[in-house]
Structures are given as structure tokens and as C-alpha cells.
Amino acid sequence: MAQLSKAAAESNLDIRVFGSRMWQSLTGGRHTTASSDLDVLIDVATEAEAGRAAEFLRHASEVCPFKLDGELSIPGLGGVHWREFLAGSPVVLVKSLDAVRMVRREELWM
């Protein structure tokens, strides 16, 4: 995880952890297993930044010793799974604090 954090910083990306590894870090309790993935969140403000962050995560997932999962967080909208973003679908699932909805890709940056 330290290498991932360093690589993100070198790529000028602010990567944060959530999910079971976050809870484990906060509580000191056991929340993960050997098969647990790492859930990450990267804030993105533009489509170009989202593409760069998603490509970073794609590359990182190829070299990480564990499954890398997570979302691109779009201000005022919510999170889009990075793999779904890379797939280029015209409609993506966006999760926010109060809703889960399908959004047309071109509406992500309006």
C-alpha cells in the first residue's frame, strides 16, 4: 500500500482508502482477510483527470499483490467505478450519499 500511495503522489493523484482496510486502520480490529481487496477513492474534476486516474488504477491493479477496487469521485455528483469508466459505456452507475443512479457519460462533466 505504501508503494501505491507513493506512485499516486508521483502521478499527482490524491488517493484515499475506504472500506475494510480503512476500518481496520481506524479501529485496530481485524476487518480484512488474505483475499480482501483494497478500496480506493480518487477525486477528479475533469474527464481528462478521470481518464488519467483510471489508467493509473488500471496499471496499478496489474502489479498490486491484491485486488484493487474503487471509484473516481466527481464533485457534486458522486462516485463512478474506475473499471466502468474505462470501459467507455455511454451510461455509468453513479453512487452518492443519497442515491444510486445511471447517468449518461456526457452528463458527468456538466
PDB file of N, CA and C in Angstrom:
ATOM      1  N   MET A   1       0.817  -1.186   0.000  1.00  0.00           N
ATOM      2  CA  MET A   1       0.000   0.000   0.000  1.00  0.00           C
ATOM      3  C   MET A   1       0.866   1.256   0.000  1.00  0.00           C
ATOM      4  N   ALA A   2       2.013   1.184   0.648  1.00  0.00           N
ATOM      5  CA  ALA A   2       2.917   2.333   0.665  1.00  0.00           C
ATOM      6  C   ALA A   2       3.419   2.648  -0.743  1.00  0.00           C
ATOM      7  N   GLN A   3       3.712   1.605  -1.521  1.00  0.00           N
ATOM      8  CA  GLN A   3       4.176   1.811  -2.902  1.00  0.00           C
ATOM      9  C   GLN A   3       3.070   2.432  -3.754  1.00  0.00           C
ATOM     10  N   LEU A   4       1.836   2.003  -3.553  1.00  0.00           N
ATOM     11  CA  LEU A   4       0.703   2.555  -4.290  1.00  0.00           C
ATOM     12  C   LEU A   4       0.523   4.028  -3.955  1.00  0.00           C
ATOM     13  N   SER A   5       0.603   4.360  -2.682  1.00  0.00           N
ATOM     14  CA  SER A   5       0.469   5.744  -2.246  1.00  0.00           C
ATOM     15  C   SER A   5       1.575   6.617  -2.835  1.00  0.00           C
ATOM     16  N   LYS A   6       2.803   6.100  -2.829  1.00  0.00           N
ATOM     17  CA  LYS A   6       3.937   6.847  -3.387  1.00  0.00           C
ATOM     18  C   LYS A   6       3.760   7.052  -4.886  1.00  0.00           C
ATOM     19  N   ALA A   7       3.338   6.009  -5.599  1.00  0.00           N
ATOM     20  CA  ALA A   7       3.129   6.114  -7.051  1.00  0.00           C
ATOM     21  C   ALA A   7       2.017   7.109  -7.365  1.00  0.00           C
ATOM     22  N   ALA A   8       0.969   7.112  -6.565  1.00  0.00           N
ATOM     23  CA  ALA A   8      -0.121   8.067  -6.773  1.00  0.00           C
ATOM     24  C   ALA A   8       0.381   9.491  -6.576  1.00  0.00           C
ATOM     25  N   ALA A   9       1.142   9.723  -5.515  1.00  0.00           N
ATOM     26  CA  ALA A   9       1.682  11.062  -5.258  1.00  0.00           C
ATOM     27  C   ALA A   9       2.593  11.510  -6.398  1.00  0.00           C
ATOM     28  N   GLU A  10       3.406  10.589  -6.905  1.00  0.00           N
ATOM     29  CA  GLU A  10       4.289  10.917  -8.033  1.00  0.00           C
ATOM     30  C   GLU A  10       3.495  11.221  -9.296  1.00  0.00           C
ATOM     31  N   SER A  11       2.280  10.677  -9.396  1.00  0.00           N
ATOM     32  CA  SER A  11       1.399  10.939 -10.540  1.00  0.00           C
ATOM     33  C   SER A  11       0.465  12.119 -10.268  1.00  0.00           C
ATOM     34  N   ASN A  12       0.699  12.800  -9.162  1.00  0.00           N
ATOM     35  CA  ASN A  12      -0.105  13.961  -8.770  1.00  0.00           C
ATOM     36  C   ASN A  12      -1.575  13.595  -8.557  1.00  0.00           C
ATOM     37  N   LEU A  13      -1.801  12.416  -7.965  1.00  0.00           N
ATOM     38  CA  LEU A  13      -3.152  11.960  -7.637  1.00  0.00           C
ATOM     39  C   LEU A  13      -3.257  11.792  -6.137  1.00  0.00           C
ATOM     40  N   ASP A  14      -4.358  12.252  -5.585  1.00  0.00           N
ATOM     41  CA  ASP A  14      -4.628  12.101  -4.149  1.00  0.00           C
ATOM     42  C   ASP A  14      -5.499  10.865  -3.984  1.00  0.00           C
ATOM     43  N   ILE A  15      -4.895   9.775  -3.548  1.00  0.00           N
ATOM     44  CA  ILE A  15      -5.606   8.509  -3.412  1.00  0.00           C
ATOM     45  C   ILE A  15      -5.934   8.271  -1.944  1.00  0.00           C
ATOM     46  N   ARG A  16      -7.181   7.898  -1.685  1.00  0.00           N
ATOM     47  CA  ARG A  16      -7.619   7.624  -0.316  1.00  0.00           C
ATOM     48  C   ARG A  16      -8.186   6.215  -0.244  1.00  0.00           C
ATOM     49  N   VAL A  17      -8.135   5.638   0.935  1.00  0.00           N
ATOM     50  CA  VAL A  17      -8.617   4.275   1.155  1.00  0.00           C
ATOM     51  C   VAL A  17      -9.949   4.338   1.893  1.00  0.00           C
ATOM     52  N   PHE A  18     -10.884   3.454   1.492  1.00  0.00           N
ATOM     53  CA  PHE A  18     -12.121   3.288   2.252  1.00  0.00           C
ATOM     54  C   PHE A  18     -12.416   1.795   2.346  1.00  0.00           C
ATOM     55  N   GLY A  19     -13.512   1.440   2.956  1.00  0.00           N
ATOM     56  CA  GLY A  19     -13.865   0.033   3.071  1.00  0.00           C
ATOM     57  C   GLY A  19     -13.171  -0.653   4.236  1.00  0.00           C
ATOM     58  N   SER A  20     -12.993  -1.968   4.113  1.00  0.00           N
ATOM     59  CA  SER A  20     -12.499  -2.775   5.229  1.00  0.00           C
ATOM     60  C   SER A  20     -11.092  -2.391   5.677  1.00  0.00           C
ATOM     61  N   ARG A  21     -10.237  -2.025   4.744  1.00  0.00           N
ATOM     62  CA  ARG A  21      -8.873  -1.631   5.146  1.00  0.00           C
ATOM     63  C   ARG A  21      -8.873  -0.304   5.895  1.00  0.00           C
ATOM     64  N   MET A  22      -9.782   0.589   5.527  1.00  0.00           N
ATOM     65  CA  MET A  22      -9.910   1.841   6.274  1.00  0.00           C
ATOM     66  C   MET A  22     -10.370   1.549   7.701  1.00  0.00           C
ATOM     67  N   TRP A  23     -11.412   0.698   7.829  1.00  0.00           N
ATOM     68  CA  TRP A  23     -11.916   0.372   9.159  1.00  0.00           C
ATOM     69  C   TRP A  23     -10.850  -0.312   9.996  1.00  0.00           C
ATOM     70  N   GLN A  24     -10.078  -1.170   9.380  1.00  0.00           N
ATOM     71  CA  GLN A  24      -9.012  -1.853  10.121  1.00  0.00           C
ATOM     72  C   GLN A  24      -7.989  -0.849  10.631  1.00  0.00           C
ATOM     73  N   SER A  25      -7.644   0.110   9.779  1.00  0.00           N
ATOM     74  CA  SER A  25      -6.676   1.128  10.176  1.00  0.00           C
ATOM     75  C   SER A  25      -7.224   2.011  11.302  1.00  0.00           C
ATOM     76  N   LEU A  26      -8.490   2.374  11.212  1.00  0.00           N
ATOM     77  CA  LEU A  26      -9.091   3.259  12.215  1.00  0.00           C
ATOM     78  C   LEU A  26      -9.329   2.578  13.552  1.00  0.00           C
ATOM     79  N   THR A  27      -9.741   1.319  13.524  1.00  0.00           N
ATOM     80  CA  THR A  27     -10.139   0.653  14.767  1.00  0.00           C
ATOM     81  C   THR A  27      -9.062  -0.240  15.363  1.00  0.00           C
ATOM     82  N   GLY A  28      -8.105  -0.659  14.536  1.00  0.00           N
ATOM     83  CA  GLY A  28      -7.111  -1.614  15.003  1.00  0.00           C
ATOM     84  C   GLY A  28      -7.646  -3.034  15.042  1.00  0.00           C
ATOM     85  N   GLY A  29      -8.931  -3.196  14.752  1.00  0.00           N
ATOM     86  CA  GLY A  29      -9.550  -4.525  14.716  1.00  0.00           C
ATOM     87  C   GLY A  29      -9.287  -5.218  13.395  1.00  0.00           C
ATOM     88  N   ARG A  30      -9.599  -6.493  13.338  1.00  0.00           N
ATOM     89  CA  ARG A  30      -9.387  -7.290  12.127  1.00  0.00           C
ATOM     90  C   ARG A  30     -10.612  -7.171  11.229  1.00  0.00           C
ATOM     91  N   HIS A  31     -10.473  -6.494  10.102  1.00  0.00           N
ATOM     92  CA  HIS A  31     -11.571  -6.301   9.155  1.00  0.00           C
ATOM     93  C   HIS A  31     -11.249  -6.872   7.784  1.00  0.00           C
ATOM     94  N   THR A  32     -10.046  -7.392   7.593  1.00  0.00           N
ATOM     95  CA  THR A  32      -9.643  -7.913   6.287  1.00  0.00           C
ATOM     96  C   THR A  32      -9.174  -9.360   6.414  1.00  0.00           C
ATOM     97  N   THR A  33      -9.134  -9.996   5.262  1.00  0.00           N
ATOM     98  CA  THR A  33      -8.584 -11.347   5.164  1.00  0.00           C
ATOM     99  C   THR A  33      -7.544 -11.329   4.053  1.00  0.00           C
ATOM    100  N   ALA A  34      -6.894 -12.441   3.831  1.00  0.00           N
ATOM    101  CA  ALA A  34      -5.883 -12.520   2.771  1.00  0.00           C
ATOM    102  C   ALA A  34      -6.488 -12.246   1.399  1.00  0.00           C
ATOM    103  N   SER A  35      -7.787 -12.461   1.241  1.00  0.00           N
ATOM    104  CA  SER A  35      -8.422 -12.240  -0.063  1.00  0.00           C
ATOM    105  C   SER A  35      -9.120 -10.883  -0.173  1.00  0.00           C
ATOM    106  N   SER A  36      -8.993 -10.040   0.848  1.00  0.00           N
ATOM    107  CA  SER A  36      -9.644  -8.724   0.811  1.00  0.00           C
ATOM    108  C   SER A  36      -9.049  -7.847  -0.279  1.00  0.00           C
ATOM    109  N   ASP A  37      -9.914  -7.053  -0.891  1.00  0.00           N
ATOM    110  CA  ASP A  37      -9.435  -6.095  -1.882  1.00  0.00           C
ATOM    111  C   ASP A  37      -9.104  -4.775  -1.187  1.00  0.00           C
ATOM    112  N   LEU A  38      -8.561  -3.855  -1.950  1.00  0.00           N
ATOM    113  CA  LEU A  38      -8.270  -2.517  -1.450  1.00  0.00           C
ATOM    114  C   LEU A  38      -9.193  -1.556  -2.177  1.00  0.00           C
ATOM    115  N   ASP A  39     -10.065  -0.891  -1.425  1.00  0.00           N
ATOM    116  CA  ASP A  39     -10.989   0.085  -1.986  1.00  0.00           C
ATOM    117  C   ASP A  39     -10.349   1.463  -1.913  1.00  0.00           C
ATOM    118  N   VAL A  40     -10.248   2.128  -3.066  1.00  0.00           N
ATOM    119  CA  VAL A  40      -9.636   3.451  -3.104  1.00  0.00           C
ATOM    120  C   VAL A  40     -10.587   4.455  -3.745  1.00  0.00           C
ATOM    121  N   LEU A  41     -10.340   5.711  -3.458  1.00  0.00           N
ATOM    122  CA  LEU A  41     -11.132   6.809  -3.978  1.00  0.00           C
ATOM    123  C   LEU A  41     -10.176   7.891  -4.459  1.00  0.00           C
ATOM    124  N   ILE A  42     -10.411   8.372  -5.675  1.00  0.00           N
ATOM    125  CA  ILE A  42      -9.609   9.470  -6.215  1.00  0.00           C
ATOM    126  C   ILE A  42     -10.563  10.556  -6.700  1.00  0.00           C
ATOM    127  N   ASP A  43     -10.397  11.782  -6.180  1.00  0.00           N
ATOM    128  CA  ASP A  43     -11.194  12.914  -6.639  1.00  0.00           C
ATOM    129  C   ASP A  43     -10.732  13.336  -8.022  1.00  0.00           C
ATOM    130  N   VAL A  44     -11.691  13.571  -8.922  1.00  0.00           N
ATOM    131  CA  VAL A  44     -11.380  14.018 -10.277  1.00  0.00           C
ATOM    132  C   VAL A  44     -12.323  15.162 -10.633  1.00  0.00           C
ATOM    133  N   ALA A  45     -11.803  16.187 -11.290  1.00  0.00           N
ATOM    134  CA  ALA A  45     -12.616  17.355 -11.617  1.00  0.00           C
ATOM    135  C   ALA A  45     -12.955  17.446 -13.099  1.00  0.00           C
ATOM    136  N   THR A  46     -12.211  16.733 -13.943  1.00  0.00           N
ATOM    137  CA  THR A  46     -12.448  16.794 -15.385  1.00  0.00           C
ATOM    138  C   THR A  46     -12.416  15.387 -15.971  1.00  0.00           C
ATOM    139  N   GLU A  47     -12.923  15.261 -17.174  1.00  0.00           N
ATOM    140  CA  GLU A  47     -12.897  13.966 -17.848  1.00  0.00           C
ATOM    141  C   GLU A  47     -11.460  13.512 -18.094  1.00  0.00           C
ATOM    142  N   ALA A  48     -10.596  14.447 -18.440  1.00  0.00           N
ATOM    143  CA  ALA A  48      -9.188  14.104 -18.673  1.00  0.00           C
ATOM    144  C   ALA A  48      -8.542  13.598 -17.379  1.00  0.00           C
ATOM    145  N   GLU A  49      -8.828  14.249 -16.282  1.00  0.00           N
ATOM    146  CA  GLU A  49      -8.283  13.821 -14.996  1.00  0.00           C
ATOM    147  C   GLU A  49      -8.828  12.443 -14.605  1.00  0.00           C
ATOM    148  N   ALA A  50     -10.110  12.211 -14.878  1.00  0.00           N
ATOM    149  CA  ALA A  50     -10.713  10.906 -14.600  1.00  0.00           C
ATOM    150  C   ALA A  50     -10.037   9.821 -15.434  1.00  0.00           C
ATOM    151  N   GLY A  51      -9.779  10.111 -16.701  1.00  0.00           N
ATOM    152  CA  GLY A  51      -9.099   9.146 -17.553  1.00  0.00           C
ATOM    153  C   GLY A  51      -7.698   8.838 -17.059  1.00  0.00           C
ATOM    154  N   ARG A  52      -6.989   9.854 -16.640  1.00  0.00           N
ATOM    155  CA  ARG A  52      -5.628   9.669 -16.121  1.00  0.00           C
ATOM    156  C   ARG A  52      -5.650   8.850 -14.829  1.00  0.00           C
ATOM    157  N   ALA A  53      -6.595   9.151 -13.944  1.00  0.00           N
ATOM    158  CA  ALA A  53      -6.704   8.410 -12.677  1.00  0.00           C
ATOM    159  C   ALA A  53      -7.109   6.957 -12.932  1.00  0.00           C
ATOM    160  N   ALA A  54      -8.048   6.737 -13.841  1.00  0.00           N
ATOM    161  CA  ALA A  54      -8.494   5.375 -14.159  1.00  0.00           C
ATOM    162  C   ALA A  54      -7.356   4.568 -14.780  1.00  0.00           C
ATOM    163  N   GLU A  55      -6.574   5.179 -15.642  1.00  0.00           N
ATOM    164  CA  GLU A  55      -5.423   4.480 -16.238  1.00  0.00           C
ATOM    165  C   GLU A  55      -4.378   4.162 -15.171  1.00  0.00           C
ATOM    166  N   PHE A  56      -4.176   5.081 -14.243  1.00  0.00           N
ATOM    167  CA  PHE A  56      -3.260   4.815 -13.133  1.00  0.00           C
ATOM    168  C   PHE A  56      -3.723   3.585 -12.360  1.00  0.00           C
ATOM    169  N   LEU A  57      -5.024   3.531 -12.041  1.00  0.00           N
ATOM    170  CA  LEU A  57      -5.556   2.398 -11.289  1.00  0.00           C
ATOM    171  C   LEU A  57      -5.494   1.102 -12.099  1.00  0.00           C
ATOM    172  N   ARG A  58      -5.717   1.184 -13.404  1.00  0.00           N
ATOM    173  CA  ARG A  58      -5.607   0.000 -14.256  1.00  0.00           C
ATOM    174  C   ARG A  58      -4.195  -0.558 -14.186  1.00  0.00           C
ATOM    175  N   HIS A  59      -3.229   0.312 -14.355  1.00  0.00           N
ATOM    176  CA  HIS A  59      -1.831  -0.125 -14.294  1.00  0.00           C
ATOM    177  C   HIS A  59      -1.489  -0.668 -12.903  1.00  0.00           C
ATOM    178  N   ALA A  60      -1.905   0.054 -11.874  1.00  0.00           N
ATOM    179  CA  ALA A  60      -1.615  -0.381 -10.505  1.00  0.00           C
ATOM    180  C   ALA A  60      -2.243  -1.741 -10.216  1.00  0.00           C
ATOM    181  N   SER A  61      -3.432  -1.979 -10.745  1.00  0.00           N
ATOM    182  CA  SER A  61      -4.105  -3.258 -10.490  1.00  0.00           C
ATOM    183  C   SER A  61      -3.358  -4.430 -11.115  1.00  0.00           C
ATOM    184  N   GLU A  62      -2.572  -4.150 -12.143  1.00  0.00           N
ATOM    185  CA  GLU A  62      -1.793  -5.206 -12.798  1.00  0.00           C
ATOM    186  C   GLU A  62      -0.557  -5.602 -11.988  1.00  0.00           C
ATOM    187  N   VAL A  63      -0.086  -4.717 -11.136  1.00  0.00           N
ATOM    188  CA  VAL A  63       1.137  -5.001 -10.375  1.00  0.00           C
ATOM    189  C   VAL A  63       0.904  -5.171  -8.868  1.00  0.00           C
ATOM    190  N   CYS A  64      -0.277  -4.807  -8.385  1.00  0.00           N
ATOM    191  CA  CYS A  64      -0.577  -4.957  -6.956  1.00  0.00           C
ATOM    192  C   CYS A  64      -0.738  -6.430  -6.606  1.00  0.00           C
ATOM    193  N   PRO A  65      -0.293  -6.816  -5.418  1.00  0.00           N
ATOM    194  CA  PRO A  65      -0.445  -8.209  -4.986  1.00  0.00           C
ATOM    195  C   PRO A  65      -1.858  -8.526  -4.488  1.00  0.00           C
ATOM    196  N   PHE A  66      -2.768  -7.552  -4.519  1.00  0.00           N
ATOM    197  CA  PHE A  66      -4.148  -7.749  -4.089  1.00  0.00           C
ATOM    198  C   PHE A  66      -5.059  -7.062  -5.094  1.00  0.00           C
ATOM    199  N   LYS A  67      -6.347  -7.398  -5.048  1.00  0.00           N
ATOM    200  CA  LYS A  67      -7.310  -6.784  -5.966  1.00  0.00           C
ATOM    201  C   LYS A  67      -7.492  -5.319  -5.599  1.00  0.00           C
ATOM    202  N   LEU A  68      -7.446  -4.473  -6.597  1.00  0.00           N
ATOM    203  CA  LEU A  68      -7.616  -3.038  -6.420  1.00  0.00           C
ATOM    204  C   LEU A  68      -8.990  -2.646  -6.938  1.00  0.00           C
ATOM    205  N   ASP A  69      -9.801  -2.096  -6.068  1.00  0.00           N
ATOM    206  CA  ASP A  69     -11.157  -1.707  -6.402  1.00  0.00           C
ATOM    207  C   ASP A  69     -11.303  -0.228  -6.077  1.00  0.00           C
ATOM    208  N   GLY A  70     -12.334   0.407  -6.521  1.00  0.00           N
ATOM    209  CA  GLY A  70     -12.530   1.785  -6.112  1.00  0.00           C
ATOM    210  C   GLY A  70     -13.258   2.638  -7.106  1.00  0.00           C
ATOM    211  N   GLU A  71     -13.316   3.912  -6.768  1.00  0.00           N
ATOM    212  CA  GLU A  71     -14.126   4.850  -7.525  1.00  0.00           C
ATOM    213  C   GLU A  71     -13.399   6.157  -7.802  1.00  0.00           C
ATOM    214  N   LEU A  72     -13.872   6.789  -8.857  1.00  0.00           N
ATOM    215  CA  LEU A  72     -13.476   8.149  -9.195  1.00  0.00           C
ATOM    216  C   LEU A  72     -14.585   9.044  -8.644  1.00  0.00           C
ATOM    217  N   SER A  73     -14.234   9.982  -7.792  1.00  0.00           N
ATOM    218  CA  SER A  73     -15.225  10.848  -7.154  1.00  0.00           C
ATOM    219  C   SER A  73     -15.323  12.165  -7.918  1.00  0.00           C
ATOM    220  N   ILE A  74     -16.516  12.426  -8.451  1.00  0.00           N
ATOM    221  CA  ILE A  74     -16.764  13.625  -9.248  1.00  0.00           C
ATOM    222  C   ILE A  74     -17.501  14.633  -8.365  1.00  0.00           C
ATOM    223  N   PRO A  75     -16.938  15.840  -8.186  1.00  0.00           N
ATOM    224  CA  PRO A  75     -17.540  16.835  -7.291  1.00  0.00           C
ATOM    225  C   PRO A  75     -19.008  17.108  -7.626  1.00  0.00           C
ATOM    226  N   GLY A  76     -19.849  17.090  -6.591  1.00  0.00           N
ATOM    227  CA  GLY A  76     -21.257  17.401  -6.754  1.00  0.00           C
ATOM    228  C   GLY A  76     -22.085  16.302  -7.392  1.00  0.00           C
ATOM    229  N   LEU A  77     -21.462  15.178  -7.729  1.00  0.00           N
ATOM    230  CA  LEU A  77     -22.192  14.117  -8.415  1.00  0.00           C
ATOM    231  C   LEU A  77     -22.121  12.796  -7.667  1.00  0.00           C
ATOM    232  N   GLY A  78     -20.915  12.305  -7.425  1.00  0.00           N
ATOM    233  CA  GLY A  78     -20.742  11.036  -6.733  1.00  0.00           C
ATOM    234  C   GLY A  78     -19.586  10.247  -7.307  1.00  0.00           C
ATOM    235  N   GLY A  79     -19.605   8.943  -7.050  1.00  0.00           N
ATOM    236  CA  GLY A  79     -18.506   8.081  -7.463  1.00  0.00           C
ATOM    237  C   GLY A  79     -18.873   7.164  -8.609  1.00  0.00           C
ATOM    238  N   VAL A  80     -17.927   6.987  -9.529  1.00  0.00           N
ATOM    239  CA  VAL A  80     -18.051   6.077 -10.665  1.00  0.00           C
ATOM    240  C   VAL A  80     -16.922   5.061 -10.544  1.00  0.00           C
ATOM    241  N   HIS A  81     -17.255   3.786 -10.659  1.00  0.00           N
ATOM    242  CA  HIS A  81     -16.227   2.752 -10.568  1.00  0.00           C
ATOM    243  C   HIS A  81     -15.209   2.967 -11.694  1.00  0.00           C
ATOM    244  N   TRP A  82     -13.924   2.893 -11.349  1.00  0.00           N
ATOM    245  CA  TRP A  82     -12.884   3.196 -12.330  1.00  0.00           C
ATOM    246  C   TRP A  82     -12.888   2.222 -13.508  1.00  0.00           C
ATOM    247  N   ARG A  83     -13.189   0.950 -13.292  1.00  0.00           N
ATOM    248  CA  ARG A  83     -13.227  -0.010 -14.406  1.00  0.00           C
ATOM    249  C   ARG A  83     -14.391   0.288 -15.341  1.00  0.00           C
ATOM    250  N   GLU A  84     -15.524   0.677 -14.768  1.00  0.00           N
ATOM    251  CA  GLU A  84     -16.680   1.033 -15.586  1.00  0.00           C
ATOM    252  C   GLU A  84     -16.366   2.279 -16.413  1.00  0.00           C
ATOM    253  N   PHE A  85     -15.678   3.241 -15.797  1.00  0.00           N
ATOM    254  CA  PHE A  85     -15.294   4.444 -16.538  1.00  0.00           C
ATOM    255  C   PHE A  85     -14.396   4.090 -17.722  1.00  0.00           C
ATOM    256  N   LEU A  86     -13.416   3.227 -17.493  1.00  0.00           N
ATOM    257  CA  LEU A  86     -12.501   2.823 -18.570  1.00  0.00           C
ATOM    258  C   LEU A  86     -13.203   2.051 -19.681  1.00  0.00           C
ATOM    259  N   ALA A  87     -14.265   1.342 -19.351  1.00  0.00           N
ATOM    260  CA  ALA A  87     -14.982   0.554 -20.353  1.00  0.00           C
ATOM    261  C   ALA A  87     -15.623   1.433 -21.428  1.00  0.00           C
ATOM    262  N   GLY A  88     -15.849   2.700 -21.106  1.00  0.00           N
ATOM    263  CA  GLY A  88     -16.355   3.632 -22.103  1.00  0.00           C
ATOM    264  C   GLY A  88     -17.844   3.539 -22.387  1.00  0.00           C
ATOM    265  N   SER A  89     -18.602   2.885 -21.521  1.00  0.00           N
ATOM    266  CA  SER A  89     -20.041   2.764 -21.707  1.00  0.00           C
ATOM    267  C   SER A  89     -20.683   4.149 -21.785  1.00  0.00           C
ATOM    268  N   PRO A  90     -21.717   4.311 -22.607  1.00  0.00           N
ATOM    269  CA  PRO A  90     -22.367   5.626 -22.697  1.00  0.00           C
ATOM    270  C   PRO A  90     -23.156   5.998 -21.443  1.00  0.00           C
ATOM    271  N   VAL A  91     -23.448   5.017 -20.588  1.00  0.00           N
ATOM    272  CA  VAL A  91     -24.163   5.250 -19.335  1.00  0.00           C
ATOM    273  C   VAL A  91     -23.383   4.557 -18.222  1.00  0.00           C
ATOM    274  N   VAL A  92     -23.183   5.264 -17.100  1.00  0.00           N
ATOM    275  CA  VAL A  92     -22.433   4.690 -15.978  1.00  0.00           C
ATOM    276  C   VAL A  92     -23.252   4.797 -14.696  1.00  0.00           C
ATOM    277  N   LEU A  93     -22.953   3.912 -13.753  1.00  0.00           N
ATOM    278  CA  LEU A  93     -23.590   3.930 -12.449  1.00  0.00           C
ATOM    279  C   LEU A  93     -22.849   4.935 -11.570  1.00  0.00           C
ATOM    280  N   VAL A  94     -23.591   5.863 -10.990  1.00  0.00           N
ATOM    281  CA  VAL A  94     -23.022   6.878 -10.097  1.00  0.00           C
ATOM    282  C   VAL A  94     -23.639   6.694  -8.716  1.00  0.00           C
ATOM    283  N   LYS A  95     -22.766   6.559  -7.707  1.00  0.00           N
ATOM    284  CA  LYS A  95     -23.221   6.405  -6.323  1.00  0.00           C
ATOM    285  C   LYS A  95     -22.885   7.678  -5.555  1.00  0.00           C
ATOM    286  N   SER A  96     -23.891   8.206  -4.865  1.00  0.00           N
ATOM    287  CA  SER A  96     -23.674   9.362  -3.997  1.00  0.00           C
ATOM    288  C   SER A  96     -24.184   9.015  -2.603  1.00  0.00           C
ATOM    289  N   LEU A  97     -24.102   9.949  -1.696  1.00  0.00           N
ATOM    290  CA  LEU A  97     -24.552   9.692  -0.334  1.00  0.00           C
ATOM    291  C   LEU A  97     -26.054   9.398  -0.263  1.00  0.00           C
ATOM    292  N   ASP A  98     -26.820   9.969  -1.181  1.00  0.00           N
ATOM    293  CA  ASP A  98     -28.274   9.813  -1.096  1.00  0.00           C
ATOM    294  C   ASP A  98     -28.925   9.083  -2.262  1.00  0.00           C
ATOM    295  N   ALA A  99     -28.142   8.619  -3.240  1.00  0.00           N
ATOM    296  CA  ALA A  99     -28.758   7.964  -4.394  1.00  0.00           C
ATOM    297  C   ALA A  99     -27.757   7.102  -5.153  1.00  0.00           C
ATOM    298  N   VAL A 100     -28.314   6.164  -5.888  1.00  0.00           N
ATOM    299  CA  VAL A 100     -27.570   5.373  -6.862  1.00  0.00           C
ATOM    300  C   VAL A 100     -28.360   5.500  -8.150  1.00  0.00           C
ATOM    301  N   ARG A 101     -27.707   5.980  -9.195  1.00  0.00           N
ATOM    302  CA  ARG A 101     -28.444   6.214 -10.437  1.00  0.00           C
ATOM    303  C   ARG A 101     -27.553   6.017 -11.649  1.00  0.00           C
ATOM    304  N   MET A 102     -28.192   5.803 -12.771  1.00  0.00           N
ATOM    305  CA  MET A 102     -27.490   5.694 -14.045  1.00  0.00           C
ATOM    306  C   MET A 102     -27.431   7.091 -14.652  1.00  0.00           C
ATOM    307  N   VAL A 103     -26.238   7.470 -15.128  1.00  0.00           N
ATOM    308  CA  VAL A 103     -26.030   8.801 -15.677  1.00  0.00           C
ATOM    309  C   VAL A 103     -25.352   8.659 -17.042  1.00  0.00           C
ATOM    310  N   ARG A 104     -25.834   9.426 -18.007  1.00  0.00           N
ATOM    311  CA  ARG A 104     -25.190   9.424 -19.321  1.00  0.00           C
ATOM    312  C   ARG A 104     -23.787  10.007 -19.157  1.00  0.00           C
ATOM    313  N   ARG A 105     -22.843   9.381 -19.805  1.00  0.00           N
ATOM    314  CA  ARG A 105     -21.430   9.750 -19.669  1.00  0.00           C
ATOM    315  C   ARG A 105     -21.184  11.239 -19.913  1.00  0.00           C
ATOM    316  N   GLU A 106     -21.842  11.800 -20.939  1.00  0.00           N
ATOM    317  CA  GLU A 106     -21.602  13.215 -21.245  1.00  0.00           C
ATOM    318  C   GLU A 106     -22.136  14.137 -20.164  1.00  0.00           C
ATOM    319  N   GLU A 107     -23.000  13.644 -19.274  1.00  0.00           N
ATOM    320  CA  GLU A 107     -23.541  14.464 -18.191  1.00  0.00           C
ATOM    321  C   GLU A 107     -22.633  14.484 -16.957  1.00  0.00           C
ATOM    322  N   LEU A 108     -21.582  13.683 -16.949  1.00  0.00           N
ATOM    323  CA  LEU A 108     -20.689  13.648 -15.796  1.00  0.00           C
ATOM    324  C   LEU A 108     -19.945  14.971 -15.603  1.00  0.00           C
ATOM    325  N   TRP A 109     -19.719  15.698 -16.653  1.00  0.00           N
ATOM    326  CA  TRP A 109     -18.876  16.904 -16.581  1.00  0.00           C
ATOM    327  C   TRP A 109     -19.643  18.169 -16.871  1.00  0.00           C
ATOM    328  N   MET A 110     -20.948  18.153 -16.683  1.00  0.00           N
ATOM    329  CA  MET A 110     -21.760  19.355 -16.957  1.00  0.00           C
ATOM    330  C   MET A 110     -21.765  20.271 -15.761  1.00  0.00           C
TER     331      MET A 110
END
